[in-house]
mmCIF file of all heavy atoms, coordinates in Angstrom:
data_MODEL
# 
_entry.id   MODEL 
# 
loop_
_atom_site.group_PDB 
_atom_site.id 
_atom_site.type_symbol 
_atom_site.label_atom_id 
_atom_site.label_alt_id 
_atom_site.label_comp_id 
_atom_site.label_asym_id 
_atom_site.label_entity_id 
_atom_site.label_seq_id 
_atom_site.pdbx_PDB_ins_code 
_atom_site.Cartn_x 
_atom_site.Cartn_y 
_atom_site.Cartn_z 
_atom_site.occupancy 
_atom_site.B_iso_or_equiv 
_atom_site.pdbx_formal_charge 
_atom_site.auth_seq_id 
_atom_site.auth_comp_id 
_atom_site.auth_asym_id 
_atom_site.auth_atom_id 
_atom_site.pdbx_PDB_model_num 
ATOM 1   N N   . PRO A 1 1  ? 3.551   -9.827  10.141  1.00 0.00 ? 1  PRO A N   1 
ATOM 2   C CA  . PRO A 1 1  ? 2.110   -9.644  10.384  1.00 0.00 ? 1  PRO A CA  1 
ATOM 3   C C   . PRO A 1 1  ? 1.438   -8.675  9.426   1.00 0.00 ? 1  PRO A C   1 
ATOM 4   O O   . PRO A 1 1  ? 0.296   -8.907  9.019   1.00 0.00 ? 1  PRO A O   1 
ATOM 5   C CB  . PRO A 1 1  ? 2.074   -9.115  11.817  1.00 0.00 ? 1  PRO A CB  1 
ATOM 6   C CG  . PRO A 1 1  ? 3.351   -9.583  12.433  1.00 0.00 ? 1  PRO A CG  1 
ATOM 7   C CD  . PRO A 1 1  ? 4.354   -9.541  11.331  1.00 0.00 ? 1  PRO A CD  1 
ATOM 8   N N   . LEU A 1 2  ? 2.121   -7.579  9.082   1.00 0.00 ? 2  LEU A N   1 
ATOM 9   C CA  . LEU A 1 2  ? 1.587   -6.571  8.177   1.00 0.00 ? 2  LEU A CA  1 
ATOM 10  C C   . LEU A 1 2  ? 2.669   -6.178  7.192   1.00 0.00 ? 2  LEU A C   1 
ATOM 11  O O   . LEU A 1 2  ? 3.789   -5.859  7.593   1.00 0.00 ? 2  LEU A O   1 
ATOM 12  C CB  . LEU A 1 2  ? 1.119   -5.329  8.934   1.00 0.00 ? 2  LEU A CB  1 
ATOM 13  C CG  . LEU A 1 2  ? -0.041  -5.488  9.909   1.00 0.00 ? 2  LEU A CG  1 
ATOM 14  C CD1 . LEU A 1 2  ? -0.246  -4.203  10.698  1.00 0.00 ? 2  LEU A CD1 1 
ATOM 15  C CD2 . LEU A 1 2  ? -1.314  -5.855  9.166   1.00 0.00 ? 2  LEU A CD2 1 
ATOM 16  N N   . ALA A 1 3  ? 2.335   -6.162  5.913   1.00 0.00 ? 3  ALA A N   1 
ATOM 17  C CA  . ALA A 1 3  ? 3.291   -5.825  4.864   1.00 0.00 ? 3  ALA A CA  1 
ATOM 18  C C   . ALA A 1 3  ? 2.643   -4.841  3.900   1.00 0.00 ? 3  ALA A C   1 
ATOM 19  O O   . ALA A 1 3  ? 1.738   -5.212  3.147   1.00 0.00 ? 3  ALA A O   1 
ATOM 20  C CB  . ALA A 1 3  ? 3.748   -7.076  4.131   1.00 0.00 ? 3  ALA A CB  1 
ATOM 21  N N   . GLU A 1 4  ? 3.115   -3.604  3.921   1.00 0.00 ? 4  GLU A N   1 
ATOM 22  C CA  . GLU A 1 4  ? 2.599   -2.575  3.028   1.00 0.00 ? 4  GLU A CA  1 
ATOM 23  C C   . GLU A 1 4  ? 3.284   -2.643  1.673   1.00 0.00 ? 4  GLU A C   1 
ATOM 24  O O   . GLU A 1 4  ? 4.470   -2.961  1.583   1.00 0.00 ? 4  GLU A O   1 
ATOM 25  C CB  . GLU A 1 4  ? 2.808   -1.170  3.623   1.00 0.00 ? 4  GLU A CB  1 
ATOM 26  C CG  . GLU A 1 4  ? 2.178   -0.946  4.983   1.00 0.00 ? 4  GLU A CG  1 
ATOM 27  C CD  . GLU A 1 4  ? 3.153   -1.138  6.116   1.00 0.00 ? 4  GLU A CD  1 
ATOM 28  O OE1 . GLU A 1 4  ? 4.139   -1.903  5.956   1.00 0.00 ? 4  GLU A OE1 1 
ATOM 29  O OE2 . GLU A 1 4  ? 2.947   -0.514  7.181   1.00 0.00 ? 4  GLU A OE2 1 
ATOM 30  N N   . SER A 1 5  ? 2.541   -2.279  0.648   1.00 0.00 ? 5  SER A N   1 
ATOM 31  C CA  . SER A 1 5  ? 3.090   -2.183  -0.690  1.00 0.00 ? 5  SER A CA  1 
ATOM 32  C C   . SER A 1 5  ? 2.312   -1.133  -1.470  1.00 0.00 ? 5  SER A C   1 
ATOM 33  O O   . SER A 1 5  ? 1.234   -0.709  -1.058  1.00 0.00 ? 5  SER A O   1 
ATOM 34  C CB  . SER A 1 5  ? 3.046   -3.531  -1.414  1.00 0.00 ? 5  SER A CB  1 
ATOM 35  O OG  . SER A 1 5  ? 1.712   -3.976  -1.588  1.00 0.00 ? 5  SER A OG  1 
ATOM 36  N N   . GLY A 1 6  ? 2.863   -0.724  -2.598  1.00 0.00 ? 6  GLY A N   1 
ATOM 37  C CA  . GLY A 1 6  ? 2.171   0.180   -3.494  1.00 0.00 ? 6  GLY A CA  1 
ATOM 38  C C   . GLY A 1 6  ? 2.653   1.613   -3.483  1.00 0.00 ? 6  GLY A C   1 
ATOM 39  O O   . GLY A 1 6  ? 2.185   2.420   -4.296  1.00 0.00 ? 6  GLY A O   1 
ATOM 40  N N   . GLY A 1 7  ? 3.560   1.946   -2.590  1.00 0.00 ? 7  GLY A N   1 
ATOM 41  C CA  . GLY A 1 7  ? 4.075   3.300   -2.551  1.00 0.00 ? 7  GLY A CA  1 
ATOM 42  C C   . GLY A 1 7  ? 4.955   3.604   -3.741  1.00 0.00 ? 7  GLY A C   1 
ATOM 43  O O   . GLY A 1 7  ? 5.346   2.720   -4.505  1.00 0.00 ? 7  GLY A O   1 
ATOM 44  N N   . GLY A 1 8  ? 5.259   4.879   -3.896  1.00 0.00 ? 8  GLY A N   1 
ATOM 45  C CA  . GLY A 1 8  ? 6.100   5.306   -4.994  1.00 0.00 ? 8  GLY A CA  1 
ATOM 46  C C   . GLY A 1 8  ? 6.022   6.793   -5.206  1.00 0.00 ? 8  GLY A C   1 
ATOM 47  O O   . GLY A 1 8  ? 5.519   7.541   -4.361  1.00 0.00 ? 8  GLY A O   1 
ATOM 48  N N   . LEU A 1 9  ? 6.529   7.215   -6.351  1.00 0.00 ? 9  LEU A N   1 
ATOM 49  C CA  . LEU A 1 9  ? 6.537   8.620   -6.741  1.00 0.00 ? 9  LEU A CA  1 
ATOM 50  C C   . LEU A 1 9  ? 5.383   8.889   -7.687  1.00 0.00 ? 9  LEU A C   1 
ATOM 51  O O   . LEU A 1 9  ? 5.201   8.166   -8.677  1.00 0.00 ? 9  LEU A O   1 
ATOM 52  C CB  . LEU A 1 9  ? 7.863   8.969   -7.413  1.00 0.00 ? 9  LEU A CB  1 
ATOM 53  C CG  . LEU A 1 9  ? 8.007   10.372  -7.993  1.00 0.00 ? 9  LEU A CG  1 
ATOM 54  C CD1 . LEU A 1 9  ? 7.934   11.419  -6.890  1.00 0.00 ? 9  LEU A CD1 1 
ATOM 55  C CD2 . LEU A 1 9  ? 9.310   10.480  -8.764  1.00 0.00 ? 9  LEU A CD2 1 
ATOM 56  N N   . VAL A 1 10 ? 4.622   9.924   -7.393  1.00 0.00 ? 10 VAL A N   1 
ATOM 57  C CA  . VAL A 1 10 ? 3.477   10.280  -8.222  1.00 0.00 ? 10 VAL A CA  1 
ATOM 58  C C   . VAL A 1 10 ? 3.399   11.800  -8.312  1.00 0.00 ? 10 VAL A C   1 
ATOM 59  O O   . VAL A 1 10 ? 3.802   12.512  -7.392  1.00 0.00 ? 10 VAL A O   1 
ATOM 60  C CB  . VAL A 1 10 ? 2.178   9.679   -7.650  1.00 0.00 ? 10 VAL A CB  1 
ATOM 61  C CG1 . VAL A 1 10 ? 1.843   10.277  -6.292  1.00 0.00 ? 10 VAL A CG1 1 
ATOM 62  C CG2 . VAL A 1 10 ? 1.020   9.835   -8.618  1.00 0.00 ? 10 VAL A CG2 1 
ATOM 63  N N   . GLN A 1 11 ? 2.882   12.289  -9.429  1.00 0.00 ? 11 GLN A N   1 
ATOM 64  C CA  . GLN A 1 11 ? 2.714   13.724  -9.605  1.00 0.00 ? 11 GLN A CA  1 
ATOM 65  C C   . GLN A 1 11 ? 1.503   14.235  -8.845  1.00 0.00 ? 11 GLN A C   1 
ATOM 66  O O   . GLN A 1 11 ? 0.555   13.484  -8.589  1.00 0.00 ? 11 GLN A O   1 
ATOM 67  C CB  . GLN A 1 11 ? 2.564   14.057  -11.091 1.00 0.00 ? 11 GLN A CB  1 
ATOM 68  C CG  . GLN A 1 11 ? 3.814   13.806  -11.905 1.00 0.00 ? 11 GLN A CG  1 
ATOM 69  C CD  . GLN A 1 11 ? 3.654   14.229  -13.351 1.00 0.00 ? 11 GLN A CD  1 
ATOM 70  O OE1 . GLN A 1 11 ? 2.541   14.353  -13.849 1.00 0.00 ? 11 GLN A OE1 1 
ATOM 71  N NE2 . GLN A 1 11 ? 4.768   14.449  -14.024 1.00 0.00 ? 11 GLN A NE2 1 
ATOM 72  N N   . PRO A 1 12 ? 1.507   15.509  -8.460  1.00 0.00 ? 12 PRO A N   1 
ATOM 73  C CA  . PRO A 1 12 ? 0.298   16.079  -7.860  1.00 0.00 ? 12 PRO A CA  1 
ATOM 74  C C   . PRO A 1 12 ? -0.921  15.847  -8.742  1.00 0.00 ? 12 PRO A C   1 
ATOM 75  O O   . PRO A 1 12 ? -0.859  15.987  -9.966  1.00 0.00 ? 12 PRO A O   1 
ATOM 76  C CB  . PRO A 1 12 ? 0.633   17.564  -7.736  1.00 0.00 ? 12 PRO A CB  1 
ATOM 77  C CG  . PRO A 1 12 ? 2.120   17.597  -7.644  1.00 0.00 ? 12 PRO A CG  1 
ATOM 78  C CD  . PRO A 1 12 ? 2.604   16.480  -8.534  1.00 0.00 ? 12 PRO A CD  1 
ATOM 79  N N   . GLY A 1 13 ? -2.014  15.495  -8.097  1.00 0.00 ? 13 GLY A N   1 
ATOM 80  C CA  . GLY A 1 13 ? -3.232  15.159  -8.814  1.00 0.00 ? 13 GLY A CA  1 
ATOM 81  C C   . GLY A 1 13 ? -3.342  13.705  -9.202  1.00 0.00 ? 13 GLY A C   1 
ATOM 82  O O   . GLY A 1 13 ? -4.421  13.266  -9.630  1.00 0.00 ? 13 GLY A O   1 
ATOM 83  N N   . GLY A 1 14 ? -2.273  12.961  -9.047  1.00 0.00 ? 14 GLY A N   1 
ATOM 84  C CA  . GLY A 1 14 ? -2.275  11.560  -9.408  1.00 0.00 ? 14 GLY A CA  1 
ATOM 85  C C   . GLY A 1 14 ? -2.849  10.679  -8.323  1.00 0.00 ? 14 GLY A C   1 
ATOM 86  O O   . GLY A 1 14 ? -3.332  11.151  -7.288  1.00 0.00 ? 14 GLY A O   1 
ATOM 87  N N   . SER A 1 15 ? -2.764  9.381   -8.558  1.00 0.00 ? 15 SER A N   1 
ATOM 88  C CA  . SER A 1 15 ? -3.350  8.393   -7.661  1.00 0.00 ? 15 SER A CA  1 
ATOM 89  C C   . SER A 1 15 ? -2.371  7.272   -7.376  1.00 0.00 ? 15 SER A C   1 
ATOM 90  O O   . SER A 1 15 ? -1.512  6.938   -8.200  1.00 0.00 ? 15 SER A O   1 
ATOM 91  C CB  . SER A 1 15 ? -4.621  7.785   -8.270  1.00 0.00 ? 15 SER A CB  1 
ATOM 92  O OG  . SER A 1 15 ? -5.630  8.754   -8.464  1.00 0.00 ? 15 SER A OG  1 
ATOM 93  N N   . LEU A 1 16 ? -2.509  6.700   -6.208  1.00 0.00 ? 16 LEU A N   1 
ATOM 94  C CA  . LEU A 1 16 ? -1.810  5.489   -5.819  1.00 0.00 ? 16 LEU A CA  1 
ATOM 95  C C   . LEU A 1 16 ? -2.761  4.627   -5.014  1.00 0.00 ? 16 LEU A C   1 
ATOM 96  O O   . LEU A 1 16 ? -3.663  5.141   -4.345  1.00 0.00 ? 16 LEU A O   1 
ATOM 97  C CB  . LEU A 1 16 ? -0.571  5.782   -4.971  1.00 0.00 ? 16 LEU A CB  1 
ATOM 98  C CG  . LEU A 1 16 ? 0.686   6.316   -5.648  1.00 0.00 ? 16 LEU A CG  1 
ATOM 99  C CD1 . LEU A 1 16 ? 1.712   6.687   -4.593  1.00 0.00 ? 16 LEU A CD1 1 
ATOM 100 C CD2 . LEU A 1 16 ? 1.259   5.284   -6.608  1.00 0.00 ? 16 LEU A CD2 1 
ATOM 101 N N   . ARG A 1 17 ? -2.523  3.335   -5.066  1.00 0.00 ? 17 ARG A N   1 
ATOM 102 C CA  . ARG A 1 17 ? -3.273  2.404   -4.237  1.00 0.00 ? 17 ARG A CA  1 
ATOM 103 C C   . ARG A 1 17 ? -2.289  1.620   -3.390  1.00 0.00 ? 17 ARG A C   1 
ATOM 104 O O   . ARG A 1 17 ? -1.439  0.900   -3.916  1.00 0.00 ? 17 ARG A O   1 
ATOM 105 C CB  . ARG A 1 17 ? -4.116  1.455   -5.085  1.00 0.00 ? 17 ARG A CB  1 
ATOM 106 C CG  . ARG A 1 17 ? -5.060  0.576   -4.258  1.00 0.00 ? 17 ARG A CG  1 
ATOM 107 C CD  . ARG A 1 17 ? -5.983  -0.243  -5.145  1.00 0.00 ? 17 ARG A CD  1 
ATOM 108 N NE  . ARG A 1 17 ? -6.916  -1.048  -4.362  1.00 0.00 ? 17 ARG A NE  1 
ATOM 109 C CZ  . ARG A 1 17 ? -8.110  -0.638  -3.958  1.00 0.00 ? 17 ARG A CZ  1 
ATOM 110 N NH1 . ARG A 1 17 ? -8.538  0.584   -4.268  1.00 0.00 ? 17 ARG A NH1 1 
ATOM 111 N NH2 . ARG A 1 17 ? -8.896  -1.450  -3.248  1.00 0.00 ? 17 ARG A NH2 1 
ATOM 112 N N   . LEU A 1 18 ? -2.399  1.777   -2.089  1.00 0.00 ? 18 LEU A N   1 
ATOM 113 C CA  . LEU A 1 18 ? -1.580  1.047   -1.151  1.00 0.00 ? 18 LEU A CA  1 
ATOM 114 C C   . LEU A 1 18 ? -2.319  -0.193  -0.682  1.00 0.00 ? 18 LEU A C   1 
ATOM 115 O O   . LEU A 1 18 ? -3.549  -0.191  -0.562  1.00 0.00 ? 18 LEU A O   1 
ATOM 116 C CB  . LEU A 1 18 ? -1.232  1.908   0.063   1.00 0.00 ? 18 LEU A CB  1 
ATOM 117 C CG  . LEU A 1 18 ? -0.609  3.276   -0.211  1.00 0.00 ? 18 LEU A CG  1 
ATOM 118 C CD1 . LEU A 1 18 ? -0.273  3.967   1.102   1.00 0.00 ? 18 LEU A CD1 1 
ATOM 119 C CD2 . LEU A 1 18 ? 0.623   3.149   -1.094  1.00 0.00 ? 18 LEU A CD2 1 
ATOM 120 N N   . SER A 1 19 ? -1.568  -1.226  -0.408  1.00 0.00 ? 19 SER A N   1 
ATOM 121 C CA  . SER A 1 19 ? -2.141  -2.456  0.087   1.00 0.00 ? 19 SER A CA  1 
ATOM 122 C C   . SER A 1 19 ? -1.389  -2.907  1.321   1.00 0.00 ? 19 SER A C   1 
ATOM 123 O O   . SER A 1 19 ? -0.168  -2.794  1.391   1.00 0.00 ? 19 SER A O   1 
ATOM 124 C CB  . SER A 1 19 ? -2.086  -3.552  -0.986  1.00 0.00 ? 19 SER A CB  1 
ATOM 125 O OG  . SER A 1 19 ? -2.722  -4.731  -0.542  1.00 0.00 ? 19 SER A OG  1 
ATOM 126 N N   . CYS A 1 20 ? -2.122  -3.400  2.293   1.00 0.00 ? 20 CYS A N   1 
ATOM 127 C CA  . CYS A 1 20 ? -1.560  -3.939  3.518   1.00 0.00 ? 20 CYS A CA  1 
ATOM 128 C C   . CYS A 1 20 ? -1.979  -5.396  3.611   1.00 0.00 ? 20 CYS A C   1 
ATOM 129 O O   . CYS A 1 20 ? -3.164  -5.690  3.813   1.00 0.00 ? 20 CYS A O   1 
ATOM 130 C CB  . CYS A 1 20 ? -2.056  -3.151  4.725   1.00 0.00 ? 20 CYS A CB  1 
ATOM 131 S SG  . CYS A 1 20 ? -1.506  -3.800  6.308   1.00 0.00 ? 20 CYS A SG  1 
ATOM 132 N N   . ALA A 1 21 ? -1.023  -6.275  3.441   1.00 0.00 ? 21 ALA A N   1 
ATOM 133 C CA  . ALA A 1 21 ? -1.286  -7.705  3.496   1.00 0.00 ? 21 ALA A CA  1 
ATOM 134 C C   . ALA A 1 21 ? -1.089  -8.196  4.918   1.00 0.00 ? 21 ALA A C   1 
ATOM 135 O O   . ALA A 1 21 ? -0.015  -8.030  5.500   1.00 0.00 ? 21 ALA A O   1 
ATOM 136 C CB  . ALA A 1 21 ? -0.367  -8.453  2.541   1.00 0.00 ? 21 ALA A CB  1 
ATOM 137 N N   . ALA A 1 22 ? -2.111  -8.805  5.466   1.00 0.00 ? 22 ALA A N   1 
ATOM 138 C CA  . ALA A 1 22 ? -2.085  -9.277  6.845   1.00 0.00 ? 22 ALA A CA  1 
ATOM 139 C C   . ALA A 1 22 ? -1.816  -10.771 6.884   1.00 0.00 ? 22 ALA A C   1 
ATOM 140 O O   . ALA A 1 22 ? -2.380  -11.541 6.095   1.00 0.00 ? 22 ALA A O   1 
ATOM 141 C CB  . ALA A 1 22 ? -3.402  -8.970  7.546   1.00 0.00 ? 22 ALA A CB  1 
ATOM 142 N N   . SER A 1 23 ? -0.966  -11.151 7.809   1.00 0.00 ? 23 SER A N   1 
ATOM 143 C CA  . SER A 1 23 ? -0.685  -12.555 8.063   1.00 0.00 ? 23 SER A CA  1 
ATOM 144 C C   . SER A 1 23 ? -0.871  -12.835 9.547   1.00 0.00 ? 23 SER A C   1 
ATOM 145 O O   . SER A 1 23 ? -0.459  -12.047 10.388  1.00 0.00 ? 23 SER A O   1 
ATOM 146 C CB  . SER A 1 23 ? 0.745   -12.911 7.655   1.00 0.00 ? 23 SER A CB  1 
ATOM 147 O OG  . SER A 1 23 ? 0.939   -12.724 6.274   1.00 0.00 ? 23 SER A OG  1 
ATOM 148 N N   . GLY A 1 24 ? -1.491  -13.953 9.853   1.00 0.00 ? 24 GLY A N   1 
ATOM 149 C CA  . GLY A 1 24 ? -1.663  -14.344 11.239  1.00 0.00 ? 24 GLY A CA  1 
ATOM 150 C C   . GLY A 1 24 ? -2.902  -13.794 11.910  1.00 0.00 ? 24 GLY A C   1 
ATOM 151 O O   . GLY A 1 24 ? -3.148  -14.106 13.077  1.00 0.00 ? 24 GLY A O   1 
ATOM 152 N N   . PHE A 1 25 ? -3.668  -12.985 11.216  1.00 0.00 ? 25 PHE A N   1 
ATOM 153 C CA  . PHE A 1 25 ? -4.949  -12.527 11.733  1.00 0.00 ? 25 PHE A CA  1 
ATOM 154 C C   . PHE A 1 25 ? -5.867  -12.221 10.562  1.00 0.00 ? 25 PHE A C   1 
ATOM 155 O O   . PHE A 1 25 ? -5.407  -12.054 9.426   1.00 0.00 ? 25 PHE A O   1 
ATOM 156 C CB  . PHE A 1 25 ? -4.806  -11.315 12.665  1.00 0.00 ? 25 PHE A CB  1 
ATOM 157 C CG  . PHE A 1 25 ? -4.446  -10.034 11.975  1.00 0.00 ? 25 PHE A CG  1 
ATOM 158 C CD1 . PHE A 1 25 ? -5.429  -9.141  11.576  1.00 0.00 ? 25 PHE A CD1 1 
ATOM 159 C CD2 . PHE A 1 25 ? -3.125  -9.708  11.731  1.00 0.00 ? 25 PHE A CD2 1 
ATOM 160 C CE1 . PHE A 1 25 ? -5.105  -7.954  10.951  1.00 0.00 ? 25 PHE A CE1 1 
ATOM 161 C CE2 . PHE A 1 25 ? -2.785  -8.523  11.104  1.00 0.00 ? 25 PHE A CE2 1 
ATOM 162 C CZ  . PHE A 1 25 ? -3.779  -7.645  10.712  1.00 0.00 ? 25 PHE A CZ  1 
ATOM 163 N N   . VAL A 1 26 ? -7.138  -12.136 10.837  1.00 0.00 ? 26 VAL A N   1 
ATOM 164 C CA  . VAL A 1 26 ? -8.161  -11.941 9.812   1.00 0.00 ? 26 VAL A CA  1 
ATOM 165 C C   . VAL A 1 26 ? -8.615  -10.490 9.853   1.00 0.00 ? 26 VAL A C   1 
ATOM 166 O O   . VAL A 1 26 ? -9.127  -10.014 10.864  1.00 0.00 ? 26 VAL A O   1 
ATOM 167 C CB  . VAL A 1 26 ? -9.343  -12.892 10.035  1.00 0.00 ? 26 VAL A CB  1 
ATOM 168 C CG1 . VAL A 1 26 ? -10.438 -12.640 9.013   1.00 0.00 ? 26 VAL A CG1 1 
ATOM 169 C CG2 . VAL A 1 26 ? -8.879  -14.346 9.975   1.00 0.00 ? 26 VAL A CG2 1 
# 
């Protein structure tokens, strides 16, 4: 139903973008 992605190792001050892909609902 929900699948997270985009995590990882980043330095302080950096950026990441996480995504949650939904299945079975809008």
